[in-house]
Amino acid sequence: MDYISSFSSVEFGKGKRTVGGNNFLDYYLPIFNNRFSIPPAEEGNMHRPVPKDIDLKSIFSIREERILRNNFTISYKTNLYQILK
């Protein structure tokens, strides 16, 4: 996977310019990748297994306590979110 490919779905101006931004990235990514990508030193999967004593759920999550209102909504950073029943 190319380095910047994961950024192609970024919303520009809360979605108002997403299509234009994605069109630009379709043009720009091949140029960027040709200029800056290098082949790997070795082929294959270089990921190491996660040690059994590490709990990834506690590392990669942020938990905050919220109050669920009667209409199944919660407030987060001045926004209301409704929980589906």
N, C-alpha and C. Protein backbone atom coordinates (compact mmCIF):
# COMPACT_ATOMS: atom_id res chain seq x y z
N MET A 1 0.85 -1.18 0.00
CA MET A 1 0.00 0.00 0.00
C MET A 1 0.88 1.23 0.00
N ASP A 2 0.51 2.20 -0.76
CA ASP A 2 1.27 3.44 -0.82
C ASP A 2 1.05 4.24 0.46
N TYR A 3 2.05 5.04 0.82
CA TYR A 3 2.03 5.78 2.08
C TYR A 3 0.81 6.68 2.21
N ILE A 4 0.47 7.42 1.18
CA ILE A 4 -0.59 8.41 1.29
C ILE A 4 -1.94 7.86 0.88
N SER A 5 -2.03 6.66 0.37
CA SER A 5 -3.31 6.12 -0.09
C SER A 5 -4.38 6.17 0.98
N SER A 6 -4.01 5.99 2.22
CA SER A 6 -5.00 5.97 3.29
C SER A 6 -5.60 7.35 3.53
N PHE A 7 -5.00 8.40 2.99
CA PHE A 7 -5.53 9.74 3.20
C PHE A 7 -6.54 10.15 2.14
N SER A 8 -6.83 9.29 1.16
CA SER A 8 -7.70 9.69 0.07
C SER A 8 -9.14 9.92 0.49
N SER A 9 -9.55 9.42 1.65
CA SER A 9 -10.93 9.61 2.08
C SER A 9 -11.08 10.75 3.06
N VAL A 10 -10.04 11.56 3.22
CA VAL A 10 -10.11 12.69 4.14
C VAL A 10 -11.17 13.67 3.64
N GLU A 11 -11.99 14.16 4.55
CA GLU A 11 -13.03 15.10 4.16
C GLU A 11 -12.45 16.51 4.21
N PHE A 12 -12.58 17.22 3.10
CA PHE A 12 -12.14 18.59 3.03
C PHE A 12 -13.35 19.48 3.28
N GLY A 13 -13.30 20.32 4.31
CA GLY A 13 -14.41 21.21 4.61
C GLY A 13 -15.68 20.47 4.95
N LYS A 14 -15.57 19.42 5.76
CA LYS A 14 -16.70 18.60 6.20
C LYS A 14 -17.47 18.01 5.03
N GLY A 15 -16.77 17.50 4.02
CA GLY A 15 -17.40 16.79 2.93
C GLY A 15 -17.79 17.65 1.75
N LYS A 16 -17.69 18.96 1.87
CA LYS A 16 -18.13 19.82 0.78
C LYS A 16 -17.21 19.71 -0.43
N ARG A 17 -15.95 19.41 -0.20
CA ARG A 17 -15.00 19.33 -1.31
C ARG A 17 -14.35 17.95 -1.41
N THR A 18 -15.02 16.93 -0.90
CA THR A 18 -14.44 15.59 -0.91
C THR A 18 -14.17 15.10 -2.32
N VAL A 19 -15.12 15.29 -3.22
CA VAL A 19 -14.95 14.80 -4.60
C VAL A 19 -13.80 15.51 -5.27
N GLY A 20 -13.72 16.82 -5.15
CA GLY A 20 -12.62 17.57 -5.74
C GLY A 20 -11.28 17.17 -5.14
N GLY A 21 -11.28 16.97 -3.83
CA GLY A 21 -10.04 16.55 -3.16
C GLY A 21 -9.61 15.17 -3.62
N ASN A 22 -10.57 14.25 -3.76
CA ASN A 22 -10.23 12.90 -4.22
C ASN A 22 -9.76 12.92 -5.67
N ASN A 23 -10.36 13.78 -6.51
CA ASN A 23 -9.89 13.90 -7.89
C ASN A 23 -8.45 14.39 -7.93
N PHE A 24 -8.13 15.36 -7.06
CA PHE A 24 -6.75 15.85 -6.99
C PHE A 24 -5.80 14.73 -6.56
N LEU A 25 -6.21 13.96 -5.54
CA LEU A 25 -5.35 12.88 -5.07
C LEU A 25 -5.16 11.80 -6.13
N ASP A 26 -6.21 11.53 -6.92
CA ASP A 26 -6.05 10.56 -8.02
C ASP A 26 -4.96 11.00 -8.99
N TYR A 27 -4.85 12.29 -9.19
CA TYR A 27 -3.81 12.84 -10.07
C TYR A 27 -2.46 12.87 -9.35
N TYR A 28 -2.46 13.32 -8.08
CA TYR A 28 -1.22 13.60 -7.37
C TYR A 28 -0.53 12.36 -6.82
N LEU A 29 -1.27 11.37 -6.35
CA LEU A 29 -0.66 10.21 -5.69
C LEU A 29 0.34 9.47 -6.57
N PRO A 30 0.06 9.19 -7.83
CA PRO A 30 1.08 8.53 -8.65
C PRO A 30 2.37 9.34 -8.76
N ILE A 31 2.26 10.65 -8.86
CA ILE A 31 3.45 11.51 -8.94
C ILE A 31 4.22 11.42 -7.63
N PHE A 32 3.52 11.54 -6.51
CA PHE A 32 4.15 11.47 -5.19
C PHE A 32 4.83 10.12 -4.98
N ASN A 33 4.12 9.05 -5.29
CA ASN A 33 4.65 7.71 -5.06
C ASN A 33 5.84 7.42 -5.96
N ASN A 34 5.82 7.88 -7.21
CA ASN A 34 6.98 7.70 -8.09
C ASN A 34 8.19 8.44 -7.58
N ARG A 35 7.97 9.59 -6.98
CA ARG A 35 9.09 10.41 -6.50
C ARG A 35 9.68 9.90 -5.19
N PHE A 36 8.83 9.46 -4.26
CA PHE A 36 9.31 9.17 -2.91
C PHE A 36 9.31 7.70 -2.50
N SER A 37 8.68 6.81 -3.24
CA SER A 37 8.65 5.42 -2.79
C SER A 37 9.95 4.71 -3.13
N ILE A 38 10.30 3.78 -2.26
CA ILE A 38 11.50 2.96 -2.47
C ILE A 38 11.11 1.50 -2.25
N PRO A 39 11.78 0.59 -2.92
CA PRO A 39 11.44 -0.82 -2.72
C PRO A 39 11.87 -1.28 -1.32
N PRO A 40 11.16 -2.26 -0.74
CA PRO A 40 11.55 -2.76 0.59
C PRO A 40 12.88 -3.49 0.55
N ALA A 41 13.58 -3.47 1.65
CA ALA A 41 14.86 -4.17 1.76
C ALA A 41 14.67 -5.67 1.63
N GLU A 42 13.56 -6.19 2.18
CA GLU A 42 13.24 -7.61 2.10
C GLU A 42 11.76 -7.75 1.81
N GLU A 43 11.42 -8.76 1.03
CA GLU A 43 10.01 -9.04 0.74
C GLU A 43 9.40 -9.83 1.90
N GLY A 44 8.10 -9.74 2.05
CA GLY A 44 7.41 -10.54 3.06
C GLY A 44 6.82 -9.70 4.16
N ASN A 45 6.09 -10.35 5.05
CA ASN A 45 5.44 -9.71 6.17
C ASN A 45 6.45 -9.57 7.31
N MET A 46 6.73 -8.36 7.72
CA MET A 46 7.71 -8.11 8.77
C MET A 46 7.07 -7.81 10.13
N HIS A 47 5.74 -7.98 10.23
CA HIS A 47 5.08 -7.75 11.51
C HIS A 47 5.47 -8.83 12.51
N ARG A 48 5.64 -8.41 13.75
CA ARG A 48 5.93 -9.36 14.82
C ARG A 48 4.65 -9.69 15.55
N PRO A 49 4.51 -10.89 16.09
CA PRO A 49 3.30 -11.21 16.86
C PRO A 49 3.23 -10.36 18.13
N VAL A 50 2.01 -10.06 18.55
CA VAL A 50 1.80 -9.28 19.77
C VAL A 50 2.02 -10.19 20.96
N PRO A 51 2.84 -9.77 21.92
CA PRO A 51 3.03 -10.59 23.12
C PRO A 51 1.70 -10.81 23.85
N LYS A 52 1.55 -11.97 24.46
CA LYS A 52 0.29 -12.35 25.11
C LYS A 52 -0.05 -11.46 26.31
N ASP A 53 0.93 -10.82 26.92
CA ASP A 53 0.66 -10.00 28.09
C ASP A 53 0.26 -8.56 27.73
N ILE A 54 0.13 -8.24 26.44
CA ILE A 54 -0.28 -6.90 26.01
C ILE A 54 -1.73 -6.94 25.55
N ASP A 55 -2.54 -6.07 26.14
CA ASP A 55 -3.96 -5.98 25.80
C ASP A 55 -4.15 -4.81 24.82
N LEU A 56 -4.28 -5.11 23.53
CA LEU A 56 -4.39 -4.06 22.52
C LEU A 56 -5.66 -3.24 22.67
N LYS A 57 -6.73 -3.84 23.19
CA LYS A 57 -7.97 -3.08 23.39
C LYS A 57 -7.78 -1.94 24.37
N SER A 58 -6.94 -2.13 25.37
CA SER A 58 -6.71 -1.06 26.34
C SER A 58 -5.72 -0.02 25.80
N ILE A 59 -4.87 -0.41 24.87
CA ILE A 59 -3.90 0.52 24.30
C ILE A 59 -4.53 1.40 23.23
N PHE A 60 -5.33 0.81 22.36
CA PHE A 60 -5.88 1.52 21.21
C PHE A 60 -7.31 2.00 21.42
N SER A 61 -7.67 2.33 22.63
CA SER A 61 -9.02 2.84 22.86
C SER A 61 -8.98 3.98 23.87
N ILE A 62 -9.88 4.91 23.67
CA ILE A 62 -10.08 5.99 24.63
C ILE A 62 -11.49 5.84 25.16
N ARG A 63 -11.61 5.71 26.45
CA ARG A 63 -12.92 5.48 27.05
C ARG A 63 -13.27 6.67 27.92
N GLU A 64 -14.49 7.14 27.71
CA GLU A 64 -15.01 8.23 28.53
C GLU A 64 -16.41 7.86 28.98
N GLU A 65 -16.72 8.18 30.20
CA GLU A 65 -18.04 7.87 30.72
C GLU A 65 -19.04 8.91 30.22
N ARG A 66 -20.19 8.46 29.76
CA ARG A 66 -21.25 9.32 29.24
C ARG A 66 -22.56 8.94 29.90
N ILE A 67 -23.48 9.88 29.92
CA ILE A 67 -24.82 9.62 30.44
C ILE A 67 -25.76 9.44 29.26
N LEU A 68 -26.45 8.31 29.24
CA LEU A 68 -27.42 8.04 28.19
C LEU A 68 -28.75 8.65 28.60
N ARG A 69 -29.24 9.58 27.79
CA ARG A 69 -30.49 10.28 28.10
C ARG A 69 -31.69 9.40 27.76
N ASN A 70 -32.87 9.83 28.17
CA ASN A 70 -34.09 9.06 27.93
C ASN A 70 -34.38 8.84 26.45
N ASN A 71 -33.93 9.76 25.58
CA ASN A 71 -34.16 9.60 24.15
C ASN A 71 -32.99 8.89 23.46
N PHE A 72 -32.21 8.17 24.23
CA PHE A 72 -31.06 7.39 23.74
C PHE A 72 -30.02 8.26 23.05
N THR A 73 -29.73 9.45 23.57
CA THR A 73 -28.68 10.30 23.03
C THR A 73 -27.60 10.50 24.07
N ILE A 74 -26.40 10.76 23.57
CA ILE A 74 -25.28 11.14 24.42
C ILE A 74 -24.69 12.41 23.84
N SER A 75 -24.03 13.18 24.67
CA SER A 75 -23.39 14.41 24.24
C SER A 75 -21.88 14.19 24.23
N TYR A 76 -21.23 14.63 23.15
CA TYR A 76 -19.78 14.51 23.05
C TYR A 76 -19.25 15.69 22.25
N LYS A 77 -18.43 16.51 22.89
CA LYS A 77 -17.83 17.68 22.25
C LYS A 77 -18.89 18.54 21.55
N THR A 78 -19.89 18.91 22.27
CA THR A 78 -21.01 19.76 21.83
C THR A 78 -21.87 19.14 20.73
N ASN A 79 -21.70 17.87 20.45
CA ASN A 79 -22.54 17.17 19.46
C ASN A 79 -23.40 16.14 20.17
N LEU A 80 -24.59 15.90 19.65
CA LEU A 80 -25.46 14.87 20.18
C LEU A 80 -25.42 13.66 19.26
N TYR A 81 -25.32 12.49 19.83
CA TYR A 81 -25.32 11.24 19.07
C TYR A 81 -26.43 10.37 19.60
N GLN A 82 -27.22 9.81 18.70
CA GLN A 82 -28.32 8.93 19.12
C GLN A 82 -27.90 7.48 18.97
N ILE A 83 -28.13 6.72 20.03
CA ILE A 83 -27.85 5.29 20.03
C ILE A 83 -29.05 4.58 19.45
N LEU A 84 -28.83 3.72 18.47
CA LEU A 84 -29.94 2.97 17.88
C LEU A 84 -30.35 1.87 18.84
N LYS A 85 -31.64 1.68 18.96
CA LYS A 85 -32.17 0.69 19.90
C LYS A 85 -31.92 -0.71 19.42
